[in-house]
Structure formats: structure tokens, C-alpha cells
Amino acid sequence: MARNNTDKFTLIGVGARDNLGQAEDFVNRTGTTFAMLWDSSGASWNGLRITSQHRIIVLNRFGQEVDRRANPSHSWILEKVASIGAA
């Protein structure tokens, strides 16, 4: 979905809970094409109040949180992105 909507939003993944090898395996196994960041300290997850994987946080262009959801549908993501563009 991110690959087909690069004109609408930028998706960035943040790995922090397993180890770098497992994160690299995830990228290779899933064919991930969006940017993935690795944070061995876990500070990014703590700072963003992320408690589990498959969490999406939608930020506007100023870095302000618009909404968050665990395991969101593609339609939810696109709806949130569209609402930012309309604001």
C-alpha cells in the first residue's frame, strides 16, 4: 500500500524490540520497500508510547500526532491521510 501511495504519505517503520538480525529478516521476508529505522535502545518506542508491533501513528507535516491505531486497515490509513490533506 505504501508503494502505491508515495504521493500521499511517507511511511517509516521503526524496529526496536527484537534484534537487528530479526529486523533485517523481516525486511527481507516481507519485501518491505519503505524506510526502516533500527533503534536498539527502544527509546523511540518509549517516546512515541508504542507498546506493541503493528501500530500506526499518523503525524501531520509538523510532527503532531493526528491519530493512532493497532493493526489498521488500508482504508483507515488512507482516510486519515486524506483528512490531513483537507485540513
PDB file of N, CA and C in Angstrom:
ATOM      1  N   MET A   1       0.814  -1.185   0.000  1.00  0.00           N
ATOM      2  CA  MET A   1       0.000   0.000   0.000  1.00  0.00           C
ATOM      3  C   MET A   1       0.863   1.257   0.000  1.00  0.00           C
ATOM      4  N   ALA A   2       1.907   1.301   0.783  1.00  0.00           N
ATOM      5  CA  ALA A   2       2.767   2.485   0.827  1.00  0.00           C
ATOM      6  C   ALA A   2       3.397   2.737  -0.536  1.00  0.00           C
ATOM      7  N   ARG A   3       3.793   1.694  -1.216  1.00  0.00           N
ATOM      8  CA  ARG A   3       4.419   1.808  -2.531  1.00  0.00           C
ATOM      9  C   ARG A   3       3.478   2.485  -3.531  1.00  0.00           C
ATOM     10  N   ASN A   4       2.191   2.236  -3.434  1.00  0.00           N
ATOM     11  CA  ASN A   4       1.217   2.782  -4.369  1.00  0.00           C
ATOM     12  C   ASN A   4       0.708   4.167  -3.982  1.00  0.00           C
ATOM     13  N   ASN A   5       1.157   4.692  -2.869  1.00  0.00           N
ATOM     14  CA  ASN A   5       0.648   5.977  -2.381  1.00  0.00           C
ATOM     15  C   ASN A   5       1.766   6.942  -1.971  1.00  0.00           C
ATOM     16  N   THR A   6       2.924   6.831  -2.600  1.00  0.00           N
ATOM     17  CA  THR A   6       4.056   7.676  -2.212  1.00  0.00           C
ATOM     18  C   THR A   6       3.779   9.161  -2.418  1.00  0.00           C
ATOM     19  N   ASP A   7       2.796   9.488  -3.259  1.00  0.00           N
ATOM     20  CA  ASP A   7       2.445  10.888  -3.457  1.00  0.00           C
ATOM     21  C   ASP A   7       1.554  11.423  -2.335  1.00  0.00           C
ATOM     22  N   LYS A   8       1.059  10.531  -1.483  1.00  0.00           N
ATOM     23  CA  LYS A   8       0.131  10.931  -0.420  1.00  0.00           C
ATOM     24  C   LYS A   8       0.766  10.957   0.966  1.00  0.00           C
ATOM     25  N   PHE A   9       1.705  10.042   1.230  1.00  0.00           N
ATOM     26  CA  PHE A   9       2.304   9.978   2.552  1.00  0.00           C
ATOM     27  C   PHE A   9       3.659   9.280   2.511  1.00  0.00           C
ATOM     28  N   THR A  10       4.408   9.450   3.578  1.00  0.00           N
ATOM     29  CA  THR A  10       5.682   8.758   3.754  1.00  0.00           C
ATOM     30  C   THR A  10       5.530   7.811   4.924  1.00  0.00           C
ATOM     31  N   LEU A  11       5.836   6.551   4.685  1.00  0.00           N
ATOM     32  CA  LEU A  11       5.755   5.536   5.732  1.00  0.00           C
ATOM     33  C   LEU A  11       7.166   5.224   6.207  1.00  0.00           C
ATOM     34  N   ILE A  12       7.351   5.235   7.518  1.00  0.00           N
ATOM     35  CA  ILE A  12       8.641   4.906   8.118  1.00  0.00           C
ATOM     36  C   ILE A  12       8.394   3.877   9.205  1.00  0.00           C
ATOM     37  N   GLY A  13       9.086   2.766   9.127  1.00  0.00           N
ATOM     38  CA  GLY A  13       9.000   1.734  10.155  1.00  0.00           C
ATOM     39  C   GLY A  13      10.106   1.921  11.179  1.00  0.00           C
ATOM     40  N   VAL A  14       9.809   1.610  12.430  1.00  0.00           N
ATOM     41  CA  VAL A  14      10.812   1.710  13.490  1.00  0.00           C
ATOM     42  C   VAL A  14      10.866   0.379  14.218  1.00  0.00           C
ATOM     43  N   GLY A  15      12.007  -0.277  14.126  1.00  0.00           N
ATOM     44  CA  GLY A  15      12.227  -1.539  14.827  1.00  0.00           C
ATOM     45  C   GLY A  15      12.968  -1.272  16.122  1.00  0.00           C
ATOM     46  N   ALA A  16      12.533  -1.934  17.201  1.00  0.00           N
ATOM     47  CA  ALA A  16      13.192  -1.662  18.479  1.00  0.00           C
ATOM     48  C   ALA A  16      13.068  -2.796  19.484  1.00  0.00           C
ATOM     49  N   ARG A  17      12.313  -3.823  19.222  1.00  0.00           N
ATOM     50  CA  ARG A  17      12.043  -4.790  20.271  1.00  0.00           C
ATOM     51  C   ARG A  17      12.840  -6.098  20.160  1.00  0.00           C
ATOM     52  N   ASP A  18      13.164  -6.514  18.978  1.00  0.00           N
ATOM     53  CA  ASP A  18      13.896  -7.771  18.831  1.00  0.00           C
ATOM     54  C   ASP A  18      15.383  -7.445  18.726  1.00  0.00           C
ATOM     55  N   ASN A  19      16.037  -7.935  17.696  1.00  0.00           N
ATOM     56  CA  ASN A  19      17.412  -7.540  17.451  1.00  0.00           C
ATOM     57  C   ASN A  19      17.554  -7.178  15.981  1.00  0.00           C
ATOM     58  N   LEU A  20      18.673  -6.579  15.614  1.00  0.00           N
ATOM     59  CA  LEU A  20      18.858  -6.083  14.262  1.00  0.00           C
ATOM     60  C   LEU A  20      18.721  -7.207  13.234  1.00  0.00           C
ATOM     61  N   GLY A  21      19.233  -8.383  13.534  1.00  0.00           N
ATOM     62  CA  GLY A  21      19.113  -9.518  12.619  1.00  0.00           C
ATOM     63  C   GLY A  21      17.661  -9.872  12.336  1.00  0.00           C
ATOM     64  N   GLN A  22      16.839  -9.872  13.367  1.00  0.00           N
ATOM     65  CA  GLN A  22      15.414 -10.166  13.174  1.00  0.00           C
ATOM     66  C   GLN A  22      14.737  -9.061  12.367  1.00  0.00           C
ATOM     67  N   ALA A  23      15.142  -7.827  12.586  1.00  0.00           N
ATOM     68  CA  ALA A  23      14.579  -6.709  11.817  1.00  0.00           C
ATOM     69  C   ALA A  23      14.962  -6.833  10.344  1.00  0.00           C
ATOM     70  N   GLU A  24      16.211  -7.175  10.081  1.00  0.00           N
ATOM     71  CA  GLU A  24      16.663  -7.365   8.695  1.00  0.00           C
ATOM     72  C   GLU A  24      15.939  -8.536   8.044  1.00  0.00           C
ATOM     73  N   ASP A  25      15.706  -9.588   8.801  1.00  0.00           N
ATOM     74  CA  ASP A  25      14.958 -10.739   8.289  1.00  0.00           C
ATOM     75  C   ASP A  25      13.531 -10.332   7.924  1.00  0.00           C
ATOM     76  N   PHE A  26      12.897  -9.520   8.755  1.00  0.00           N
ATOM     77  CA  PHE A  26      11.550  -9.026   8.469  1.00  0.00           C
ATOM     78  C   PHE A  26      11.522  -8.281   7.139  1.00  0.00           C
ATOM     79  N   VAL A  27      12.480  -7.378   6.949  1.00  0.00           N
ATOM     80  CA  VAL A  27      12.534  -6.594   5.708  1.00  0.00           C
ATOM     81  C   VAL A  27      12.714  -7.519   4.512  1.00  0.00           C
ATOM     82  N   ASN A  28      13.617  -8.469   4.610  1.00  0.00           N
ATOM     83  CA  ASN A  28      13.869  -9.409   3.504  1.00  0.00           C
ATOM     84  C   ASN A  28      12.679 -10.315   3.246  1.00  0.00           C
ATOM     85  N   ARG A  29      12.067 -10.805   4.298  1.00  0.00           N
ATOM     86  CA  ARG A  29      10.949 -11.749   4.179  1.00  0.00           C
ATOM     87  C   ARG A  29       9.699 -11.090   3.610  1.00  0.00           C
ATOM     88  N   THR A  30       9.450  -9.848   3.988  1.00  0.00           N
ATOM     89  CA  THR A  30       8.216  -9.180   3.571  1.00  0.00           C
ATOM     90  C   THR A  30       8.375  -8.331   2.319  1.00  0.00           C
ATOM     91  N   GLY A  31       9.605  -8.128   1.869  1.00  0.00           N
ATOM     92  CA  GLY A  31       9.816  -7.287   0.694  1.00  0.00           C
ATOM     93  C   GLY A  31       9.532  -5.822   0.973  1.00  0.00           C
ATOM     94  N   THR A  32       9.714  -5.426   2.214  1.00  0.00           N
ATOM     95  CA  THR A  32       9.453  -4.049   2.629  1.00  0.00           C
ATOM     96  C   THR A  32      10.262  -3.083   1.775  1.00  0.00           C
ATOM     97  N   THR A  33       9.595  -2.053   1.261  1.00  0.00           N
ATOM     98  CA  THR A  33      10.277  -1.057   0.436  1.00  0.00           C
ATOM     99  C   THR A  33      10.319   0.318   1.100  1.00  0.00           C
ATOM    100  N   PHE A  34       9.575   0.505   2.191  1.00  0.00           N
ATOM    101  CA  PHE A  34       9.612   1.797   2.868  1.00  0.00           C
ATOM    102  C   PHE A  34      10.802   1.846   3.815  1.00  0.00           C
ATOM    103  N   ALA A  35      11.147   3.049   4.253  1.00  0.00           N
ATOM    104  CA  ALA A  35      12.288   3.241   5.142  1.00  0.00           C
ATOM    105  C   ALA A  35      12.047   2.534   6.468  1.00  0.00           C
ATOM    106  N   MET A  36      13.068   1.827   6.924  1.00  0.00           N
ATOM    107  CA  MET A  36      13.021   1.164   8.224  1.00  0.00           C
ATOM    108  C   MET A  36      14.184   1.695   9.058  1.00  0.00           C
ATOM    109  N   LEU A  37      13.878   2.112  10.266  1.00  0.00           N
ATOM    110  CA  LEU A  37      14.896   2.588  11.193  1.00  0.00           C
ATOM    111  C   LEU A  37      15.066   1.565  12.304  1.00  0.00           C
ATOM    112  N   TRP A  38      16.279   1.426  12.790  1.00  0.00           N
ATOM    113  CA  TRP A  38      16.546   0.499  13.885  1.00  0.00           C
ATOM    114  C   TRP A  38      16.970   1.288  15.115  1.00  0.00           C
ATOM    115  N   ASP A  39      16.336   1.034  16.235  1.00  0.00           N
ATOM    116  CA  ASP A  39      16.625   1.712  17.491  1.00  0.00           C
ATOM    117  C   ASP A  39      16.898   0.652  18.550  1.00  0.00           C
ATOM    118  N   SER A  40      18.153   0.325  18.738  1.00  0.00           N
ATOM    119  CA  SER A  40      18.497  -0.731  19.696  1.00  0.00           C
ATOM    120  C   SER A  40      18.168  -0.349  21.136  1.00  0.00           C
ATOM    121  N   SER A  41      18.054   0.942  21.428  1.00  0.00           N
ATOM    122  CA  SER A  41      17.771   1.364  22.794  1.00  0.00           C
ATOM    123  C   SER A  41      16.285   1.260  23.148  1.00  0.00           C
ATOM    124  N   GLY A  42      15.416   1.291  22.125  1.00  0.00           N
ATOM    125  CA  GLY A  42      13.974   1.272  22.386  1.00  0.00           C
ATOM    126  C   GLY A  42      13.414   2.629  22.782  1.00  0.00           C
ATOM    127  N   ALA A  43      14.273   3.654  22.821  1.00  0.00           N
ATOM    128  CA  ALA A  43      13.831   4.990  23.243  1.00  0.00           C
ATOM    129  C   ALA A  43      12.758   5.557  22.319  1.00  0.00           C
ATOM    130  N   SER A  44      12.839   5.253  21.037  1.00  0.00           N
ATOM    131  CA  SER A  44      11.840   5.788  20.103  1.00  0.00           C
ATOM    132  C   SER A  44      10.456   5.235  20.430  1.00  0.00           C
ATOM    133  N   TRP A  45      10.379   3.936  20.700  1.00  0.00           N
ATOM    134  CA  TRP A  45       9.078   3.333  21.052  1.00  0.00           C
ATOM    135  C   TRP A  45       8.569   3.923  22.361  1.00  0.00           C
ATOM    136  N   ASN A  46       9.452   4.082  23.322  1.00  0.00           N
ATOM    137  CA  ASN A  46       9.038   4.671  24.601  1.00  0.00           C
ATOM    138  C   ASN A  46       8.547   6.103  24.406  1.00  0.00           C
ATOM    139  N   GLY A  47       9.273   6.884  23.639  1.00  0.00           N
ATOM    140  CA  GLY A  47       8.902   8.270  23.404  1.00  0.00           C
ATOM    141  C   GLY A  47       7.583   8.419  22.660  1.00  0.00           C
ATOM    142  N   LEU A  48       7.306   7.478  21.763  1.00  0.00           N
ATOM    143  CA  LEU A  48       6.057   7.508  20.997  1.00  0.00           C
ATOM    144  C   LEU A  48       4.939   6.717  21.677  1.00  0.00           C
ATOM    145  N   ARG A  49       5.217   6.162  22.833  1.00  0.00           N
ATOM    146  CA  ARG A  49       4.245   5.361  23.594  1.00  0.00           C
ATOM    147  C   ARG A  49       3.729   4.168  22.772  1.00  0.00           C
ATOM    148  N   ILE A  50       4.662   3.483  22.120  1.00  0.00           N
ATOM    149  CA  ILE A  50       4.311   2.289  21.352  1.00  0.00           C
ATOM    150  C   ILE A  50       4.506   1.083  22.263  1.00  0.00           C
ATOM    151  N   THR A  51       3.488   0.267  22.378  1.00  0.00           N
ATOM    152  CA  THR A  51       3.555  -0.883  23.287  1.00  0.00           C
ATOM    153  C   THR A  51       3.589  -2.215  22.556  1.00  0.00           C
ATOM    154  N   SER A  52       3.318  -2.213  21.251  1.00  0.00           N
ATOM    155  CA  SER A  52       3.332  -3.464  20.501  1.00  0.00           C
ATOM    156  C   SER A  52       3.560  -3.178  19.026  1.00  0.00           C
ATOM    157  N   GLN A  53       3.898  -4.231  18.307  1.00  0.00           N
ATOM    158  CA  GLN A  53       4.113  -4.087  16.868  1.00  0.00           C
ATOM    159  C   GLN A  53       2.778  -3.901  16.155  1.00  0.00           C
ATOM    160  N   HIS A  54       2.892  -3.551  14.887  1.00  0.00           N
ATOM    161  CA  HIS A  54       1.725  -3.319  14.030  1.00  0.00           C
ATOM    162  C   HIS A  54       0.920  -2.120  14.523  1.00  0.00           C
ATOM    163  N   ARG A  55       1.616  -1.125  14.964  1.00  0.00           N
ATOM    164  CA  ARG A  55       0.988   0.106  15.448  1.00  0.00           C
ATOM    165  C   ARG A  55       1.292   1.195  14.422  1.00  0.00           C
ATOM    166  N   ILE A  56       0.275   1.930  14.022  1.00  0.00           N
ATOM    167  CA  ILE A  56       0.432   3.034  13.086  1.00  0.00           C
ATOM    168  C   ILE A  56       0.142   4.332  13.830  1.00  0.00           C
ATOM    169  N   ILE A  57       1.047   5.286  13.696  1.00  0.00           N
ATOM    170  CA  ILE A  57       0.831   6.623  14.233  1.00  0.00           C
ATOM    171  C   ILE A  57       0.867   7.571  13.046  1.00  0.00           C
ATOM    172  N   VAL A  58      -0.193   8.309  12.862  1.00  0.00           N
ATOM    173  CA  VAL A  58      -0.287   9.264  11.768  1.00  0.00           C
ATOM    174  C   VAL A  58       0.121  10.629  12.314  1.00  0.00           C
ATOM    175  N   LEU A  59       1.141  11.209  11.688  1.00  0.00           N
ATOM    176  CA  LEU A  59       1.628  12.525  12.070  1.00  0.00           C
ATOM    177  C   LEU A  59       1.390  13.489  10.917  1.00  0.00           C
ATOM    178  N   ASN A  60       1.104  14.729  11.235  1.00  0.00           N
ATOM    179  CA  ASN A  60       0.987  15.719  10.173  1.00  0.00           C
ATOM    180  C   ASN A  60       2.381  16.225   9.806  1.00  0.00           C
ATOM    181  N   ARG A  61       2.462  17.156   8.882  1.00  0.00           N
ATOM    182  CA  ARG A  61       3.765  17.633   8.406  1.00  0.00           C
ATOM    183  C   ARG A  61       4.570  18.352   9.478  1.00  0.00           C
ATOM    184  N   PHE A  62       3.937  18.706  10.587  1.00  0.00           N
ATOM    185  CA  PHE A  62       4.618  19.374  11.688  1.00  0.00           C
ATOM    186  C   PHE A  62       5.032  18.403  12.793  1.00  0.00           C
ATOM    187  N   GLY A  63       4.785  17.111  12.573  1.00  0.00           N
ATOM    188  CA  GLY A  63       5.146  16.101  13.553  1.00  0.00           C
ATOM    189  C   GLY A  63       4.144  15.937  14.673  1.00  0.00           C
ATOM    190  N   GLN A  64       2.981  16.548  14.519  1.00  0.00           N
ATOM    191  CA  GLN A  64       1.934  16.433  15.538  1.00  0.00           C
ATOM    192  C   GLN A  64       1.095  15.186  15.257  1.00  0.00           C
ATOM    193  N   GLU A  65       0.798  14.436  16.305  1.00  0.00           N
ATOM    194  CA  GLU A  65       0.005  13.220  16.152  1.00  0.00           C
ATOM    195  C   GLU A  65      -1.439  13.559  15.787  1.00  0.00           C
ATOM    196  N   VAL A  66      -1.927  12.898  14.749  1.00  0.00           N
ATOM    197  CA  VAL A  66      -3.305  13.050  14.302  1.00  0.00           C
ATOM    198  C   VAL A  66      -4.160  11.919  14.858  1.00  0.00           C
ATOM    199  N   ASP A  67      -3.619  10.697  14.817  1.00  0.00           N
ATOM    200  CA  ASP A  67      -4.356   9.526  15.305  1.00  0.00           C
ATOM    201  C   ASP A  67      -3.391   8.354  15.374  1.00  0.00           C
ATOM    202  N   ARG A  68      -3.820   7.291  16.035  1.00  0.00           N
ATOM    203  CA  ARG A  68      -3.027   6.058  16.110  1.00  0.00           C
ATOM    204  C   ARG A  68      -3.969   4.876  16.185  1.00  0.00           C
ATOM    205  N   ARG A  69      -3.478   3.747  15.748  1.00  0.00           N
ATOM    206  CA  ARG A  69      -4.303   2.544  15.796  1.00  0.00           C
ATOM    207  C   ARG A  69      -3.396   1.318  15.687  1.00  0.00           C
ATOM    208  N   ALA A  70      -3.814   0.241  16.345  1.00  0.00           N
ATOM    209  CA  ALA A  70      -3.147  -1.052  16.200  1.00  0.00           C
ATOM    210  C   ALA A  70      -3.808  -1.788  15.049  1.00  0.00           C
ATOM    211  N   ASN A  71      -3.009  -2.395  14.216  1.00  0.00           N
ATOM    212  CA  ASN A  71      -3.493  -3.195  13.085  1.00  0.00           C
ATOM    213  C   ASN A  71      -4.541  -2.469  12.235  1.00  0.00           C
ATOM    214  N   PRO A  72      -4.230  -1.271  11.750  1.00  0.00           N
ATOM    215  CA  PRO A  72      -5.224  -0.527  10.970  1.00  0.00           C
ATOM    216  C   PRO A  72      -5.421  -1.116   9.577  1.00  0.00           C
ATOM    217  N   SER A  73      -6.600  -0.904   9.042  1.00  0.00           N
ATOM    218  CA  SER A  73      -6.873  -1.314   7.660  1.00  0.00           C
ATOM    219  C   SER A  73      -6.266  -0.287   6.713  1.00  0.00           C
ATOM    220  N   HIS A  74      -6.070  -0.690   5.483  1.00  0.00           N
ATOM    221  CA  HIS A  74      -5.571   0.247   4.478  1.00  0.00           C
ATOM    222  C   HIS A  74      -6.518   1.423   4.323  1.00  0.00           C
ATOM    223  N   SER A  75      -7.822   1.162   4.356  1.00  0.00           N
ATOM    224  CA  SER A  75      -8.796   2.250   4.182  1.00  0.00           C
ATOM    225  C   SER A  75      -8.702   3.254   5.335  1.00  0.00           C
ATOM    226  N   TRP A  76      -8.462   2.785   6.562  1.00  0.00           N
ATOM    227  CA  TRP A  76      -8.319   3.696   7.701  1.00  0.00           C
ATOM    228  C   TRP A  76      -7.125   4.614   7.484  1.00  0.00           C
ATOM    229  N   ILE A  77      -5.995   4.032   7.065  1.00  0.00           N
ATOM    230  CA  ILE A  77      -4.788   4.828   6.837  1.00  0.00           C
ATOM    231  C   ILE A  77      -5.047   5.894   5.771  1.00  0.00           C
ATOM    232  N   LEU A  78      -5.620   5.491   4.647  1.00  0.00           N
ATOM    233  CA  LEU A  78      -5.876   6.438   3.563  1.00  0.00           C
ATOM    234  C   LEU A  78      -6.873   7.519   3.976  1.00  0.00           C
ATOM    235  N   GLU A  79      -7.848   7.158   4.794  1.00  0.00           N
ATOM    236  CA  GLU A  79      -8.815   8.147   5.299  1.00  0.00           C
ATOM    237  C   GLU A  79      -8.126   9.185   6.174  1.00  0.00           C
ATOM    238  N   LYS A  80      -7.224   8.727   7.064  1.00  0.00           N
ATOM    239  CA  LYS A  80      -6.507   9.648   7.943  1.00  0.00           C
ATOM    240  C   LYS A  80      -5.588  10.562   7.134  1.00  0.00           C
ATOM    241  N   VAL A  81      -4.908  10.006   6.159  1.00  0.00           N
ATOM    242  CA  VAL A  81      -4.019  10.809   5.312  1.00  0.00           C
ATOM    243  C   VAL A  81      -4.823  11.846   4.543  1.00  0.00           C
ATOM    244  N   ALA A  82      -5.981  11.457   4.015  1.00  0.00           N
ATOM    245  CA  ALA A  82      -6.833  12.396   3.285  1.00  0.00           C
ATOM    246  C   ALA A  82      -7.322  13.515   4.201  1.00  0.00           C
ATOM    247  N   SER A  83      -7.627  13.179   5.456  1.00  0.00           N
ATOM    248  CA  SER A  83      -8.129  14.205   6.374  1.00  0.00           C
ATOM    249  C   SER A  83      -7.054  15.239   6.683  1.00  0.00           C
ATOM    250  N   ILE A  84      -5.796  14.843   6.677  1.00  0.00           N
ATOM    251  CA  ILE A  84      -4.710  15.785   6.911  1.00  0.00           C
ATOM    252  C   ILE A  84      -4.607  16.733   5.718  1.00  0.00           C
ATOM    253  N   GLY A  85      -4.737  16.178   4.507  1.00  0.00           N
ATOM    254  CA  GLY A  85      -4.658  16.999   3.311  1.00  0.00           C
ATOM    255  C   GLY A  85      -5.772  18.012   3.217  1.00  0.00           C
ATOM    256  N   ALA A  86      -6.909  17.682   3.807  1.00  0.00           N
ATOM    257  CA  ALA A  86      -8.075  18.572   3.755  1.00  0.00           C
ATOM    258  C   ALA A  86      -7.987  19.666   4.812  1.00  0.00           C
ATOM    259  N   ALA A  87      -7.150  19.452   5.801  1.00  0.00           N
ATOM    260  CA  ALA A  87      -7.067  20.421   6.923  1.00  0.00           C
ATOM    261  C   ALA A  87      -6.265  21.654   6.553  1.00  0.00           C
TER     262      ALA A  87
END
